[in-house]
Amino acid sequence: AGIDGETGEIVDMAVKGIWEPLAVKLQVYKT
């Protein structure tokens, strides 16, 4: 469950198809 960046509504990101690589997210948190 996340926020649709276009409308601001709460939607299921897996259904909407909005994904990010794990490598990017890990680097963001660590840095």
PDB file of all heavy atoms in Angstrom:
ATOM      1  N   ALA A   1       0.845  -1.197   0.000  1.00  0.00           N
ATOM      2  CA  ALA A   1       0.000   0.000   0.000  1.00  0.00           C
ATOM      3  C   ALA A   1       0.876   1.241   0.000  1.00  0.00           C
ATOM      4  O   ALA A   1       1.714   1.434   0.877  1.00  0.00           O
ATOM      5  CB  ALA A   1      -0.919  -0.001   1.214  1.00  0.00           C
ATOM      6  N   GLY A   2       0.685   2.087  -1.029  1.00  0.00           N
ATOM      7  CA  GLY A   2       1.481   3.306  -1.139  1.00  0.00           C
ATOM      8  C   GLY A   2       0.668   4.440  -1.734  1.00  0.00           C
ATOM      9  O   GLY A   2      -0.545   4.304  -1.956  1.00  0.00           O
ATOM     10  N   ILE A   3       1.312   5.544  -1.986  1.00  0.00           N
ATOM     11  CA  ILE A   3       0.632   6.738  -2.478  1.00  0.00           C
ATOM     12  C   ILE A   3       0.865   6.879  -3.978  1.00  0.00           C
ATOM     13  O   ILE A   3       2.010   6.851  -4.438  1.00  0.00           O
ATOM     14  CB  ILE A   3       1.142   7.996  -1.746  1.00  0.00           C
ATOM     15  CG1 ILE A   3       0.768   7.919  -0.262  1.00  0.00           C
ATOM     16  CG2 ILE A   3       0.579   9.266  -2.364  1.00  0.00           C
ATOM     17  CD1 ILE A   3       1.332   9.025   0.577  1.00  0.00           C
ATOM     18  N   ASP A   4      -0.228   6.992  -4.714  1.00  0.00           N
ATOM     19  CA  ASP A   4      -0.137   7.251  -6.149  1.00  0.00           C
ATOM     20  C   ASP A   4       0.381   8.675  -6.345  1.00  0.00           C
ATOM     21  O   ASP A   4      -0.294   9.651  -5.987  1.00  0.00           O
ATOM     22  CB  ASP A   4      -1.530   7.080  -6.784  1.00  0.00           C
ATOM     23  CG  ASP A   4      -1.484   7.187  -8.302  1.00  0.00           C
ATOM     24  OD1 ASP A   4      -0.503   7.756  -8.828  1.00  0.00           O
ATOM     25  OD2 ASP A   4      -2.416   6.713  -8.973  1.00  0.00           O
ATOM     26  N   GLY A   5       1.582   8.802  -6.909  1.00  0.00           N
ATOM     27  CA  GLY A   5       2.202  10.112  -7.065  1.00  0.00           C
ATOM     28  C   GLY A   5       1.479  11.023  -8.031  1.00  0.00           C
ATOM     29  O   GLY A   5       1.730  12.232  -8.058  1.00  0.00           O
ATOM     30  N   GLU A   6       0.563  10.482  -8.842  1.00  0.00           N
ATOM     31  CA  GLU A   6      -0.187  11.314  -9.786  1.00  0.00           C
ATOM     32  C   GLU A   6      -1.416  11.939  -9.127  1.00  0.00           C
ATOM     33  O   GLU A   6      -1.731  13.107  -9.339  1.00  0.00           O
ATOM     34  CB  GLU A   6      -0.636  10.465 -10.997  1.00  0.00           C
ATOM     35  CG  GLU A   6       0.509   9.854 -11.783  1.00  0.00           C
ATOM     36  CD  GLU A   6       1.177  10.850 -12.708  1.00  0.00           C
ATOM     37  OE1 GLU A   6       0.638  11.962 -12.864  1.00  0.00           O
ATOM     38  OE2 GLU A   6       2.242  10.522 -13.262  1.00  0.00           O
ATOM     39  N   THR A   7      -2.147  11.132  -8.330  1.00  0.00           N
ATOM     40  CA  THR A   7      -3.437  11.581  -7.781  1.00  0.00           C
ATOM     41  C   THR A   7      -3.415  11.801  -6.278  1.00  0.00           C
ATOM     42  O   THR A   7      -4.301  12.469  -5.741  1.00  0.00           O
ATOM     43  CB  THR A   7      -4.530  10.547  -8.105  1.00  0.00           C
ATOM     44  OG1 THR A   7      -4.185   9.299  -7.472  1.00  0.00           O
ATOM     45  CG2 THR A   7      -4.636  10.327  -9.610  1.00  0.00           C
ATOM     46  N   GLY A   8      -2.452  11.212  -5.563  1.00  0.00           N
ATOM     47  CA  GLY A   8      -2.414  11.327  -4.113  1.00  0.00           C
ATOM     48  C   GLY A   8      -3.270  10.301  -3.404  1.00  0.00           C
ATOM     49  O   GLY A   8      -3.388  10.317  -2.183  1.00  0.00           O
ATOM     50  N   GLU A   9      -3.863   9.368  -4.155  1.00  0.00           N
ATOM     51  CA  GLU A   9      -4.701   8.335  -3.537  1.00  0.00           C
ATOM     52  C   GLU A   9      -3.838   7.169  -3.062  1.00  0.00           C
ATOM     53  O   GLU A   9      -2.740   6.941  -3.566  1.00  0.00           O
ATOM     54  CB  GLU A   9      -5.735   7.835  -4.551  1.00  0.00           C
ATOM     55  CG  GLU A   9      -6.707   8.903  -5.026  1.00  0.00           C
ATOM     56  CD  GLU A   9      -7.606   8.393  -6.136  1.00  0.00           C
ATOM     57  OE1 GLU A   9      -7.408   7.243  -6.580  1.00  0.00           O
ATOM     58  OE2 GLU A   9      -8.494   9.145  -6.571  1.00  0.00           O
ATOM     59  N   ILE A  10      -4.381   6.426  -2.082  1.00  0.00           N
ATOM     60  CA  ILE A  10      -3.679   5.240  -1.576  1.00  0.00           C
ATOM     61  C   ILE A  10      -4.098   4.045  -2.428  1.00  0.00           C
ATOM     62  O   ILE A  10      -5.288   3.721  -2.527  1.00  0.00           O
ATOM     63  CB  ILE A  10      -4.028   5.001  -0.093  1.00  0.00           C
ATOM     64  CG1 ILE A  10      -3.530   6.183   0.743  1.00  0.00           C
ATOM     65  CG2 ILE A  10      -3.397   3.698   0.397  1.00  0.00           C
ATOM     66  CD1 ILE A  10      -3.941   6.122   2.193  1.00  0.00           C
ATOM     67  N   VAL A  11      -3.112   3.421  -3.062  1.00  0.00           N
ATOM     68  CA  VAL A  11      -3.396   2.293  -3.963  1.00  0.00           C
ATOM     69  C   VAL A  11      -2.423   1.158  -3.669  1.00  0.00           C
ATOM     70  O   VAL A  11      -1.411   1.340  -2.976  1.00  0.00           O
ATOM     71  CB  VAL A  11      -3.264   2.717  -5.440  1.00  0.00           C
ATOM     72  CG1 VAL A  11      -4.312   3.752  -5.814  1.00  0.00           C
ATOM     73  CG2 VAL A  11      -1.873   3.247  -5.734  1.00  0.00           C
ATOM     74  N   ASP A  12      -2.757  -0.023  -4.207  1.00  0.00           N
ATOM     75  CA  ASP A  12      -1.880  -1.187  -4.092  1.00  0.00           C
ATOM     76  C   ASP A  12      -0.798  -1.067  -5.173  1.00  0.00           C
ATOM     77  O   ASP A  12      -1.091  -1.174  -6.367  1.00  0.00           O
ATOM     78  CB  ASP A  12      -2.680  -2.472  -4.269  1.00  0.00           C
ATOM     79  CG  ASP A  12      -1.855  -3.701  -3.911  1.00  0.00           C
ATOM     80  OD1 ASP A  12      -0.674  -3.754  -4.304  1.00  0.00           O
ATOM     81  OD2 ASP A  12      -2.392  -4.606  -3.234  1.00  0.00           O
ATOM     82  N   MET A  13       0.440  -0.844  -4.767  1.00  0.00           N
ATOM     83  CA  MET A  13       1.526  -0.620  -5.720  1.00  0.00           C
ATOM     84  C   MET A  13       1.813  -1.862  -6.569  1.00  0.00           C
ATOM     85  O   MET A  13       2.221  -1.742  -7.729  1.00  0.00           O
ATOM     86  CB  MET A  13       2.802  -0.206  -4.981  1.00  0.00           C
ATOM     87  CG  MET A  13       2.696   1.158  -4.350  1.00  0.00           C
ATOM     88  SD  MET A  13       2.656   2.437  -5.613  1.00  0.00           S
ATOM     89  CE  MET A  13       1.495   3.588  -4.911  1.00  0.00           C
ATOM     90  N   ALA A  14       1.601  -3.049  -6.008  1.00  0.00           N
ATOM     91  CA  ALA A  14       1.836  -4.277  -6.780  1.00  0.00           C
ATOM     92  C   ALA A  14       0.832  -4.388  -7.922  1.00  0.00           C
ATOM     93  O   ALA A  14       1.172  -4.812  -9.025  1.00  0.00           O
ATOM     94  CB  ALA A  14       1.739  -5.495  -5.857  1.00  0.00           C
ATOM     95  N   VAL A  15      -0.408  -3.986  -7.656  1.00  0.00           N
ATOM     96  CA  VAL A  15      -1.436  -4.029  -8.700  1.00  0.00           C
ATOM     97  C   VAL A  15      -1.180  -2.930  -9.735  1.00  0.00           C
ATOM     98  O   VAL A  15      -1.309  -3.146 -10.944  1.00  0.00           O
ATOM     99  CB  VAL A  15      -2.845  -3.856  -8.082  1.00  0.00           C
ATOM    100  CG1 VAL A  15      -3.906  -3.764  -9.175  1.00  0.00           C
ATOM    101  CG2 VAL A  15      -3.146  -5.016  -7.133  1.00  0.00           C
ATOM    102  N   LYS A  16      -0.796  -1.761  -9.272  1.00  0.00           N
ATOM    103  CA  LYS A  16      -0.552  -0.636 -10.183  1.00  0.00           C
ATOM    104  C   LYS A  16       0.749  -0.800 -10.957  1.00  0.00           C
ATOM    105  O   LYS A  16       0.964  -0.161 -11.983  1.00  0.00           O
ATOM    106  CB  LYS A  16      -0.530   0.674  -9.391  1.00  0.00           C
ATOM    107  CG  LYS A  16      -0.655   1.918 -10.269  1.00  0.00           C
ATOM    108  CD  LYS A  16      -0.934   3.142  -9.447  1.00  0.00           C
ATOM    109  CE  LYS A  16      -1.010   4.389 -10.318  1.00  0.00           C
ATOM    110  NZ  LYS A  16      -2.117   4.366 -11.265  1.00  0.00           N
ATOM    111  N   GLY A  17       1.629  -1.684 -10.486  1.00  0.00           N
ATOM    112  CA  GLY A  17       2.869  -1.946 -11.211  1.00  0.00           C
ATOM    113  C   GLY A  17       3.949  -0.911 -10.988  1.00  0.00           C
ATOM    114  O   GLY A  17       4.691  -0.588 -11.913  1.00  0.00           O
ATOM    115  N   ILE A  18       4.037  -0.351  -9.778  1.00  0.00           N
ATOM    116  CA  ILE A  18       5.084   0.632  -9.471  1.00  0.00           C
ATOM    117  C   ILE A  18       6.103  -0.040  -8.555  1.00  0.00           C
ATOM    118  O   ILE A  18       5.818  -0.330  -7.393  1.00  0.00           O
ATOM    119  CB  ILE A  18       4.491   1.892  -8.813  1.00  0.00           C
ATOM    120  CG1 ILE A  18       3.507   2.560  -9.775  1.00  0.00           C
ATOM    121  CG2 ILE A  18       5.598   2.866  -8.419  1.00  0.00           C
ATOM    122  CD1 ILE A  18       2.802   3.764  -9.210  1.00  0.00           C
ATOM    123  N   TRP A  19       7.293  -0.296  -9.130  1.00  0.00           N
ATOM    124  CA  TRP A  19       8.331  -1.030  -8.414  1.00  0.00           C
ATOM    125  C   TRP A  19       9.638  -0.250  -8.432  1.00  0.00           C
ATOM    126  O   TRP A  19       9.852   0.595  -9.284  1.00  0.00           O
ATOM    127  CB  TRP A  19       8.568  -2.405  -9.049  1.00  0.00           C
ATOM    128  CG  TRP A  19       7.361  -3.294  -9.083  1.00  0.00           C
ATOM    129  CD1 TRP A  19       6.456  -3.396 -10.103  1.00  0.00           C
ATOM    130  CD2 TRP A  19       6.919  -4.187  -8.064  1.00  0.00           C
ATOM    131  NE1 TRP A  19       5.485  -4.299  -9.771  1.00  0.00           N
ATOM    132  CE2 TRP A  19       5.747  -4.809  -8.534  1.00  0.00           C
ATOM    133  CE3 TRP A  19       7.403  -4.524  -6.800  1.00  0.00           C
ATOM    134  CZ2 TRP A  19       5.060  -5.741  -7.785  1.00  0.00           C
ATOM    135  CZ3 TRP A  19       6.717  -5.461  -6.055  1.00  0.00           C
ATOM    136  CH2 TRP A  19       5.558  -6.056  -6.546  1.00  0.00           C
ATOM    137  N   GLU A  20      10.505  -0.593  -7.476  1.00  0.00           N
ATOM    138  CA  GLU A  20      11.851  -0.029  -7.439  1.00  0.00           C
ATOM    139  C   GLU A  20      12.843  -1.153  -7.182  1.00  0.00           C
ATOM    140  O   GLU A  20      12.528  -2.112  -6.468  1.00  0.00           O
ATOM    141  CB  GLU A  20      11.982   1.016  -6.326  1.00  0.00           C
ATOM    142  CG  GLU A  20      11.177   2.278  -6.546  1.00  0.00           C
ATOM    143  CD  GLU A  20      11.446   3.305  -5.450  1.00  0.00           C
ATOM    144  OE1 GLU A  20      12.607   3.724  -5.327  1.00  0.00           O
ATOM    145  OE2 GLU A  20      10.504   3.669  -4.737  1.00  0.00           O
ATOM    146  N   PRO A  21      14.058  -1.061  -7.732  1.00  0.00           N
ATOM    147  CA  PRO A  21      15.066  -2.092  -7.441  1.00  0.00           C
ATOM    148  C   PRO A  21      15.488  -2.034  -5.970  1.00  0.00           C
ATOM    149  O   PRO A  21      15.623  -0.954  -5.400  1.00  0.00           O
ATOM    150  CB  PRO A  21      16.235  -1.711  -8.361  1.00  0.00           C
ATOM    151  CG  PRO A  21      15.668  -0.786  -9.374  1.00  0.00           C
ATOM    152  CD  PRO A  21      14.524  -0.086  -8.718  1.00  0.00           C
ATOM    153  N   LEU A  22      15.701  -3.199  -5.392  1.00  0.00           N
ATOM    154  CA  LEU A  22      16.143  -3.270  -3.995  1.00  0.00           C
ATOM    155  C   LEU A  22      17.495  -2.584  -3.819  1.00  0.00           C
ATOM    156  O   LEU A  22      17.728  -1.925  -2.802  1.00  0.00           O
ATOM    157  CB  LEU A  22      16.241  -4.739  -3.565  1.00  0.00           C
ATOM    158  CG  LEU A  22      16.824  -4.993  -2.166  1.00  0.00           C
ATOM    159  CD1 LEU A  22      15.936  -4.376  -1.096  1.00  0.00           C
ATOM    160  CD2 LEU A  22      17.019  -6.483  -1.915  1.00  0.00           C
ATOM    161  N   ALA A  23      18.376  -2.703  -4.822  1.00  0.00           N
ATOM    162  CA  ALA A  23      19.720  -2.111  -4.701  1.00  0.00           C
ATOM    163  C   ALA A  23      19.644  -0.598  -4.487  1.00  0.00           C
ATOM    164  O   ALA A  23      20.400  -0.036  -3.694  1.00  0.00           O
ATOM    165  CB  ALA A  23      20.543  -2.425  -5.955  1.00  0.00           C
ATOM    166  N   VAL A  24      18.723   0.073  -5.182  1.00  0.00           N
ATOM    167  CA  VAL A  24      18.584   1.529  -5.033  1.00  0.00           C
ATOM    168  C   VAL A  24      18.104   1.872  -3.631  1.00  0.00           C
ATOM    169  O   VAL A  24      18.628   2.776  -2.968  1.00  0.00           O
ATOM    170  CB  VAL A  24      17.603   2.092  -6.092  1.00  0.00           C
ATOM    171  CG1 VAL A  24      17.320   3.562  -5.843  1.00  0.00           C
ATOM    172  CG2 VAL A  24      18.169   1.898  -7.488  1.00  0.00           C
ATOM    173  N   LYS A  25      17.095   1.136  -3.154  1.00  0.00           N
ATOM    174  CA  LYS A  25      16.525   1.430  -1.840  1.00  0.00           C
ATOM    175  C   LYS A  25      17.549   1.180  -0.725  1.00  0.00           C
ATOM    176  O   LYS A  25      17.654   1.974   0.220  1.00  0.00           O
ATOM    177  CB  LYS A  25      15.271   0.569  -1.630  1.00  0.00           C
ATOM    178  CG  LYS A  25      14.343   1.057  -0.565  1.00  0.00           C
ATOM    179  CD  LYS A  25      13.855   2.467  -0.808  1.00  0.00           C
ATOM    180  CE  LYS A  25      12.871   2.568  -1.937  1.00  0.00           C
ATOM    181  NZ  LYS A  25      12.361   3.965  -2.071  1.00  0.00           N
ATOM    182  N   LEU A  26      18.303   0.104  -0.829  1.00  0.00           N
ATOM    183  CA  LEU A  26      19.331  -0.173   0.184  1.00  0.00           C
ATOM    184  C   LEU A  26      20.377   0.938   0.204  1.00  0.00           C
ATOM    185  O   LEU A  26      20.796   1.387   1.279  1.00  0.00           O
ATOM    186  CB  LEU A  26      20.013  -1.515  -0.109  1.00  0.00           C
ATOM    187  CG  LEU A  26      19.210  -2.781   0.179  1.00  0.00           C
ATOM    188  CD1 LEU A  26      19.978  -4.012  -0.287  1.00  0.00           C
ATOM    189  CD2 LEU A  26      18.884  -2.902   1.660  1.00  0.00           C
ATOM    190  N   GLN A  27      20.783   1.391  -0.974  1.00  0.00           N
ATOM    191  CA  GLN A  27      21.794   2.443  -1.038  1.00  0.00           C
ATOM    192  C   GLN A  27      21.268   3.747  -0.453  1.00  0.00           C
ATOM    193  O   GLN A  27      21.999   4.483   0.223  1.00  0.00           O
ATOM    194  CB  GLN A  27      22.232   2.655  -2.495  1.00  0.00           C
ATOM    195  CG  GLN A  27      23.418   3.586  -2.664  1.00  0.00           C
ATOM    196  CD  GLN A  27      24.699   3.008  -2.105  1.00  0.00           C
ATOM    197  OE1 GLN A  27      24.907   1.800  -2.149  1.00  0.00           O
ATOM    198  NE2 GLN A  27      25.554   3.862  -1.556  1.00  0.00           N
ATOM    199  N   VAL A  28      19.980   4.058  -0.698  1.00  0.00           N
ATOM    200  CA  VAL A  28      19.372   5.277  -0.149  1.00  0.00           C
ATOM    201  C   VAL A  28      19.407   5.238   1.371  1.00  0.00           C
ATOM    202  O   VAL A  28      19.826   6.201   2.030  1.00  0.00           O
ATOM    203  CB  VAL A  28      17.922   5.438  -0.653  1.00  0.00           C
ATOM    204  CG1 VAL A  28      17.188   6.501   0.159  1.00  0.00           C
ATOM    205  CG2 VAL A  28      17.907   5.822  -2.127  1.00  0.00           C
ATOM    206  N   TYR A  29      18.964   4.130   1.963  1.00  0.00           N
ATOM    207  CA  TYR A  29      18.913   4.027   3.428  1.00  0.00           C
ATOM    208  C   TYR A  29      20.311   4.107   4.036  1.00  0.00           C
ATOM    209  O   TYR A  29      20.545   4.839   5.005  1.00  0.00           O
ATOM    210  CB  TYR A  29      18.250   2.708   3.850  1.00  0.00           C
ATOM    211  CG  TYR A  29      16.758   2.657   3.626  1.00  0.00           C
ATOM    212  CD1 TYR A  29      16.099   3.666   2.930  1.00  0.00           C
ATOM    213  CD2 TYR A  29      15.997   1.596   4.093  1.00  0.00           C
ATOM    214  CE1 TYR A  29      14.744   3.625   2.714  1.00  0.00           C
ATOM    215  CE2 TYR A  29      14.627   1.543   3.894  1.00  0.00           C
ATOM    216  CZ  TYR A  29      14.011   2.556   3.194  1.00  0.00           C
ATOM    217  OH  TYR A  29      12.642   2.509   2.978  1.00  0.00           O
ATOM    218  N   LYS A  30      21.239   3.336   3.453  1.00  0.00           N
ATOM    219  CA  LYS A  30      22.592   3.315   4.019  1.00  0.00           C
ATOM    220  C   LYS A  30      23.255   4.686   3.931  1.00  0.00           C
ATOM    221  O   LYS A  30      23.841   5.174   4.905  1.00  0.00           O
ATOM    222  CB  LYS A  30      23.448   2.275   3.280  1.00  0.00           C
ATOM    223  CG  LYS A  30      23.050   0.833   3.560  1.00  0.00           C
ATOM    224  CD  LYS A  30      23.857  -0.127   2.704  1.00  0.00           C
ATOM    225  CE  LYS A  30      23.435  -1.573   2.948  1.00  0.00           C
ATOM    226  NZ  LYS A  30      24.148  -2.504   2.048  1.00  0.00           N
ATOM    227  N   THR A  31      23.147   5.322   2.771  1.00  0.00           N
ATOM    228  CA  THR A  31      23.801   6.621   2.586  1.00  0.00           C
ATOM    229  C   THR A  31      23.182   7.687   3.485  1.00  0.00           C
ATOM    230  O   THR A  31      23.889   8.497   4.089  1.00  0.00           O
ATOM    231  CB  THR A  31      23.699   7.050   1.102  1.00  0.00           C
ATOM    232  OG1 THR A  31      24.211   6.016   0.275  1.00  0.00           O
ATOM    233  CG2 THR A  31      24.495   8.326   0.858  1.00  0.00           C
TER     234      THR A  31
END
